[in-house]
Amino acid sequence: MFTKEKVNEYADKLLIGLTPEENKMVLDEFEVIDHDIDKINEIPGLNDVEPMAWCLDREIDLLREDVCEESIPVDTALANSDGAIGGLIEVPKVVS
């Protein structure tokens, strides 16, 4: 069970300081997680199910073979762009 002191201890080890409000928020979140885990553990026959190592069937390998091929010249790639600056493609700013 997590306590205020334990949360502060872990925060100190991670070099992040927590205010009392943040500590309470973390404790509240762990309370919800503990409740959810208790509900999951109530599922009948859960212990009889073998854990999966991968979420998908891996019978078919969809990856192509990695083959080294010659690239197009930089000038040709830049010619396909709307704008280039100093050998780099200029793109619109998406983060303010």
N, C-alpha and C. Protein backbone atom coordinates (compact mmCIF):
# COMPACT_ATOMS: atom_id res chain seq x y z
N MET A 1 0.84 -1.18 0.00
CA MET A 1 0.00 0.00 0.00
C MET A 1 0.88 1.24 0.00
N PHE A 2 0.50 2.22 -0.79
CA PHE A 2 1.27 3.45 -0.86
C PHE A 2 0.86 4.42 0.25
N THR A 3 1.85 5.07 0.78
CA THR A 3 1.61 6.08 1.80
C THR A 3 2.21 7.40 1.31
N LYS A 4 1.87 8.47 2.01
CA LYS A 4 2.41 9.79 1.68
C LYS A 4 3.94 9.75 1.71
N GLU A 5 4.47 9.10 2.72
CA GLU A 5 5.92 9.02 2.89
C GLU A 5 6.57 8.22 1.75
N LYS A 6 5.91 7.11 1.35
CA LYS A 6 6.46 6.26 0.30
C LYS A 6 6.46 7.01 -1.04
N VAL A 7 5.39 7.75 -1.32
CA VAL A 7 5.32 8.54 -2.55
C VAL A 7 6.43 9.59 -2.56
N ASN A 8 6.64 10.26 -1.44
CA ASN A 8 7.72 11.26 -1.36
C ASN A 8 9.09 10.61 -1.54
N GLU A 9 9.26 9.42 -0.96
CA GLU A 9 10.54 8.70 -1.10
C GLU A 9 10.82 8.39 -2.56
N TYR A 10 9.82 7.86 -3.28
CA TYR A 10 10.00 7.55 -4.70
C TYR A 10 10.22 8.81 -5.51
N ALA A 11 9.50 9.89 -5.19
CA ALA A 11 9.68 11.16 -5.91
C ALA A 11 11.10 11.68 -5.72
N ASP A 12 11.63 11.55 -4.50
CA ASP A 12 13.01 11.98 -4.25
C ASP A 12 14.00 11.15 -5.04
N LYS A 13 13.77 9.84 -5.13
CA LYS A 13 14.67 8.97 -5.90
C LYS A 13 14.64 9.33 -7.39
N LEU A 14 13.48 9.79 -7.87
CA LEU A 14 13.35 10.18 -9.27
C LEU A 14 13.75 11.63 -9.50
N LEU A 15 14.18 12.29 -8.43
CA LEU A 15 14.61 13.69 -8.48
C LEU A 15 13.49 14.62 -8.92
N ILE A 16 12.27 14.30 -8.51
CA ILE A 16 11.15 15.21 -8.75
C ILE A 16 10.53 15.54 -7.41
N GLY A 17 10.40 16.80 -7.13
CA GLY A 17 9.79 17.20 -5.88
C GLY A 17 8.28 17.27 -6.05
N LEU A 18 7.55 16.84 -5.06
CA LEU A 18 6.10 16.89 -5.10
C LEU A 18 5.57 17.83 -4.02
N THR A 19 4.63 18.66 -4.43
CA THR A 19 3.94 19.48 -3.44
C THR A 19 2.96 18.58 -2.69
N PRO A 20 2.47 19.01 -1.55
CA PRO A 20 1.47 18.20 -0.84
C PRO A 20 0.24 17.90 -1.71
N GLU A 21 -0.16 18.84 -2.56
CA GLU A 21 -1.30 18.61 -3.44
C GLU A 21 -0.99 17.53 -4.48
N GLU A 22 0.23 17.57 -5.03
CA GLU A 22 0.63 16.56 -6.02
C GLU A 22 0.73 15.18 -5.36
N ASN A 23 1.25 15.14 -4.14
CA ASN A 23 1.35 13.88 -3.41
C ASN A 23 -0.05 13.29 -3.21
N LYS A 24 -1.01 14.12 -2.82
CA LYS A 24 -2.38 13.64 -2.63
C LYS A 24 -2.97 13.14 -3.94
N MET A 25 -2.67 13.85 -5.05
CA MET A 25 -3.17 13.43 -6.35
C MET A 25 -2.62 12.03 -6.72
N VAL A 26 -1.33 11.82 -6.46
CA VAL A 26 -0.72 10.51 -6.74
C VAL A 26 -1.37 9.44 -5.88
N LEU A 27 -1.56 9.71 -4.60
CA LEU A 27 -2.20 8.74 -3.72
C LEU A 27 -3.62 8.42 -4.17
N ASP A 28 -4.36 9.46 -4.60
CA ASP A 28 -5.72 9.24 -5.10
C ASP A 28 -5.72 8.37 -6.35
N GLU A 29 -4.76 8.60 -7.24
CA GLU A 29 -4.66 7.80 -8.46
C GLU A 29 -4.35 6.34 -8.13
N PHE A 30 -3.44 6.12 -7.18
CA PHE A 30 -3.12 4.74 -6.79
C PHE A 30 -4.30 4.05 -6.14
N GLU A 31 -5.12 4.79 -5.44
CA GLU A 31 -6.33 4.22 -4.85
C GLU A 31 -7.27 3.71 -5.95
N VAL A 32 -7.40 4.47 -7.02
CA VAL A 32 -8.24 4.04 -8.15
C VAL A 32 -7.63 2.81 -8.81
N ILE A 33 -6.31 2.82 -8.99
CA ILE A 33 -5.63 1.67 -9.61
C ILE A 33 -5.80 0.43 -8.74
N ASP A 34 -5.62 0.56 -7.44
CA ASP A 34 -5.81 -0.58 -6.53
C ASP A 34 -7.23 -1.13 -6.63
N HIS A 35 -8.21 -0.24 -6.68
CA HIS A 35 -9.61 -0.66 -6.81
C HIS A 35 -9.82 -1.43 -8.12
N ASP A 36 -9.25 -0.91 -9.22
CA ASP A 36 -9.40 -1.57 -10.52
C ASP A 36 -8.74 -2.95 -10.52
N ILE A 37 -7.57 -3.05 -9.91
CA ILE A 37 -6.87 -4.34 -9.85
C ILE A 37 -7.66 -5.34 -9.02
N ASP A 38 -8.26 -4.87 -7.92
CA ASP A 38 -9.11 -5.76 -7.12
C ASP A 38 -10.27 -6.29 -7.95
N LYS A 39 -10.88 -5.44 -8.77
CA LYS A 39 -11.99 -5.87 -9.64
C LYS A 39 -11.50 -6.90 -10.67
N ILE A 40 -10.35 -6.66 -11.25
CA ILE A 40 -9.80 -7.60 -12.24
C ILE A 40 -9.54 -8.94 -11.58
N ASN A 41 -9.02 -8.94 -10.37
CA ASN A 41 -8.72 -10.18 -9.67
C ASN A 41 -9.98 -10.97 -9.29
N GLU A 42 -11.14 -10.35 -9.37
CA GLU A 42 -12.40 -11.05 -9.09
C GLU A 42 -12.91 -11.84 -10.29
N ILE A 43 -12.27 -11.71 -11.45
CA ILE A 43 -12.71 -12.42 -12.65
C ILE A 43 -12.51 -13.91 -12.44
N PRO A 44 -13.58 -14.71 -12.59
CA PRO A 44 -13.46 -16.16 -12.38
C PRO A 44 -12.50 -16.79 -13.40
N GLY A 45 -11.65 -17.68 -12.92
CA GLY A 45 -10.74 -18.43 -13.79
C GLY A 45 -9.56 -17.63 -14.30
N LEU A 46 -9.35 -16.44 -13.80
CA LEU A 46 -8.26 -15.59 -14.30
C LEU A 46 -6.90 -16.27 -14.11
N ASN A 47 -6.72 -16.97 -13.02
CA ASN A 47 -5.43 -17.62 -12.76
C ASN A 47 -5.18 -18.81 -13.67
N ASP A 48 -6.22 -19.28 -14.38
CA ASP A 48 -6.05 -20.41 -15.29
C ASP A 48 -5.65 -19.98 -16.69
N VAL A 49 -5.60 -18.70 -16.95
CA VAL A 49 -5.28 -18.18 -18.28
C VAL A 49 -3.79 -17.91 -18.36
N GLU A 50 -3.16 -18.43 -19.42
CA GLU A 50 -1.73 -18.22 -19.60
C GLU A 50 -1.48 -16.80 -20.13
N PRO A 51 -0.55 -16.06 -19.52
CA PRO A 51 -0.26 -14.70 -19.99
C PRO A 51 0.27 -14.72 -21.42
N MET A 52 -0.06 -13.68 -22.17
CA MET A 52 0.41 -13.57 -23.55
C MET A 52 1.72 -12.79 -23.57
N ALA A 53 2.64 -13.23 -24.41
CA ALA A 53 3.89 -12.50 -24.57
C ALA A 53 3.75 -11.45 -25.67
N TRP A 54 2.75 -11.61 -26.54
CA TRP A 54 2.53 -10.69 -27.65
C TRP A 54 1.03 -10.62 -27.89
N CYS A 55 0.50 -9.45 -28.17
CA CYS A 55 -0.94 -9.29 -28.28
C CYS A 55 -1.53 -9.77 -29.60
N LEU A 56 -0.70 -10.05 -30.60
CA LEU A 56 -1.18 -10.48 -31.91
C LEU A 56 -0.59 -11.84 -32.27
N ASP A 57 -1.28 -12.56 -33.14
CA ASP A 57 -0.72 -13.80 -33.65
C ASP A 57 0.46 -13.46 -34.55
N ARG A 58 1.58 -14.11 -34.30
CA ARG A 58 2.80 -13.81 -35.07
C ARG A 58 3.10 -14.91 -36.08
N GLU A 59 2.08 -15.54 -36.62
CA GLU A 59 2.31 -16.64 -37.55
C GLU A 59 2.79 -16.15 -38.90
N ILE A 60 2.40 -14.95 -39.29
CA ILE A 60 2.76 -14.42 -40.60
C ILE A 60 3.69 -13.23 -40.39
N ASP A 61 4.85 -13.28 -41.03
CA ASP A 61 5.79 -12.18 -40.92
C ASP A 61 5.52 -11.22 -42.07
N LEU A 62 5.03 -10.02 -41.76
CA LEU A 62 4.65 -9.07 -42.79
C LEU A 62 5.77 -8.10 -43.16
N LEU A 63 6.93 -8.24 -42.54
CA LEU A 63 8.03 -7.34 -42.85
C LEU A 63 8.76 -7.79 -44.10
N ARG A 64 9.12 -6.83 -44.94
CA ARG A 64 9.88 -7.16 -46.14
C ARG A 64 11.34 -7.33 -45.75
N GLU A 65 12.08 -7.98 -46.60
CA GLU A 65 13.50 -8.15 -46.37
C GLU A 65 14.18 -6.80 -46.49
N ASP A 66 15.10 -6.50 -45.59
CA ASP A 66 15.80 -5.23 -45.60
C ASP A 66 16.90 -5.29 -46.65
N VAL A 67 16.68 -4.55 -47.75
CA VAL A 67 17.64 -4.55 -48.84
C VAL A 67 18.15 -3.12 -49.02
N CYS A 68 19.46 -2.98 -49.06
CA CYS A 68 20.07 -1.68 -49.24
C CYS A 68 19.96 -1.30 -50.72
N GLU A 69 19.34 -0.14 -50.97
CA GLU A 69 19.19 0.34 -52.34
C GLU A 69 19.78 1.73 -52.44
N GLU A 70 20.11 2.12 -53.67
CA GLU A 70 20.67 3.44 -53.89
C GLU A 70 19.58 4.50 -53.72
N SER A 71 19.90 5.58 -53.05
CA SER A 71 18.95 6.68 -52.83
C SER A 71 18.99 7.64 -54.01
N ILE A 72 17.92 8.44 -54.11
CA ILE A 72 17.92 9.46 -55.14
C ILE A 72 18.84 10.59 -54.72
N PRO A 73 19.38 11.33 -55.66
CA PRO A 73 20.26 12.43 -55.31
C PRO A 73 19.53 13.50 -54.50
N VAL A 74 20.23 14.17 -53.60
CA VAL A 74 19.64 15.19 -52.74
C VAL A 74 18.98 16.29 -53.58
N ASP A 75 19.63 16.71 -54.66
CA ASP A 75 19.06 17.77 -55.51
C ASP A 75 17.71 17.35 -56.08
N THR A 76 17.56 16.09 -56.44
CA THR A 76 16.28 15.60 -56.97
C THR A 76 15.21 15.61 -55.89
N ALA A 77 15.57 15.20 -54.67
CA ALA A 77 14.61 15.21 -53.56
C ALA A 77 14.19 16.63 -53.23
N LEU A 78 15.13 17.56 -53.22
CA LEU A 78 14.82 18.95 -52.92
C LEU A 78 13.98 19.59 -54.02
N ALA A 79 14.13 19.13 -55.25
CA ALA A 79 13.34 19.67 -56.36
C ALA A 79 11.87 19.33 -56.20
N ASN A 80 11.55 18.26 -55.47
CA ASN A 80 10.16 17.85 -55.25
C ASN A 80 9.50 18.61 -54.11
N SER A 81 10.26 19.43 -53.38
CA SER A 81 9.70 20.15 -52.24
C SER A 81 9.25 21.54 -52.66
N ASP A 82 8.35 22.11 -51.86
CA ASP A 82 7.89 23.47 -52.13
C ASP A 82 8.95 24.51 -51.78
N GLY A 83 9.84 24.16 -50.88
CA GLY A 83 10.88 25.11 -50.49
C GLY A 83 12.01 24.42 -49.79
N ALA A 84 13.22 24.89 -50.05
CA ALA A 84 14.39 24.31 -49.41
C ALA A 84 15.31 25.44 -48.99
N ILE A 85 15.95 25.25 -47.83
CA ILE A 85 16.90 26.23 -47.31
C ILE A 85 18.18 25.50 -46.96
N GLY A 86 19.25 25.83 -47.61
CA GLY A 86 20.56 25.24 -47.28
C GLY A 86 20.59 23.74 -47.35
N GLY A 87 19.95 23.15 -48.35
CA GLY A 87 19.96 21.71 -48.51
C GLY A 87 18.98 20.97 -47.63
N LEU A 88 18.08 21.70 -46.94
CA LEU A 88 17.07 21.10 -46.08
C LEU A 88 15.69 21.50 -46.57
N ILE A 89 14.72 20.62 -46.41
CA ILE A 89 13.36 20.92 -46.82
C ILE A 89 12.70 21.76 -45.77
N GLU A 90 12.10 22.88 -46.18
CA GLU A 90 11.40 23.76 -45.26
C GLU A 90 9.98 23.25 -45.08
N VAL A 91 9.55 23.13 -43.83
CA VAL A 91 8.21 22.66 -43.52
C VAL A 91 7.51 23.71 -42.68
N PRO A 92 6.16 23.71 -42.67
CA PRO A 92 5.46 24.69 -41.84
C PRO A 92 5.67 24.42 -40.36
N LYS A 93 5.69 25.49 -39.58
CA LYS A 93 5.81 25.37 -38.13
C LYS A 93 4.51 24.79 -37.59
N VAL A 94 4.60 23.72 -36.79
CA VAL A 94 3.40 23.07 -36.24
C VAL A 94 3.30 23.20 -34.74
N VAL A 95 4.33 23.73 -34.10
CA VAL A 95 4.32 23.91 -32.65
C VAL A 95 4.55 25.38 -32.37
N SER A 96 3.72 25.93 -31.52
CA SER A 96 3.90 27.35 -31.22
C SER A 96 4.74 27.56 -30.00
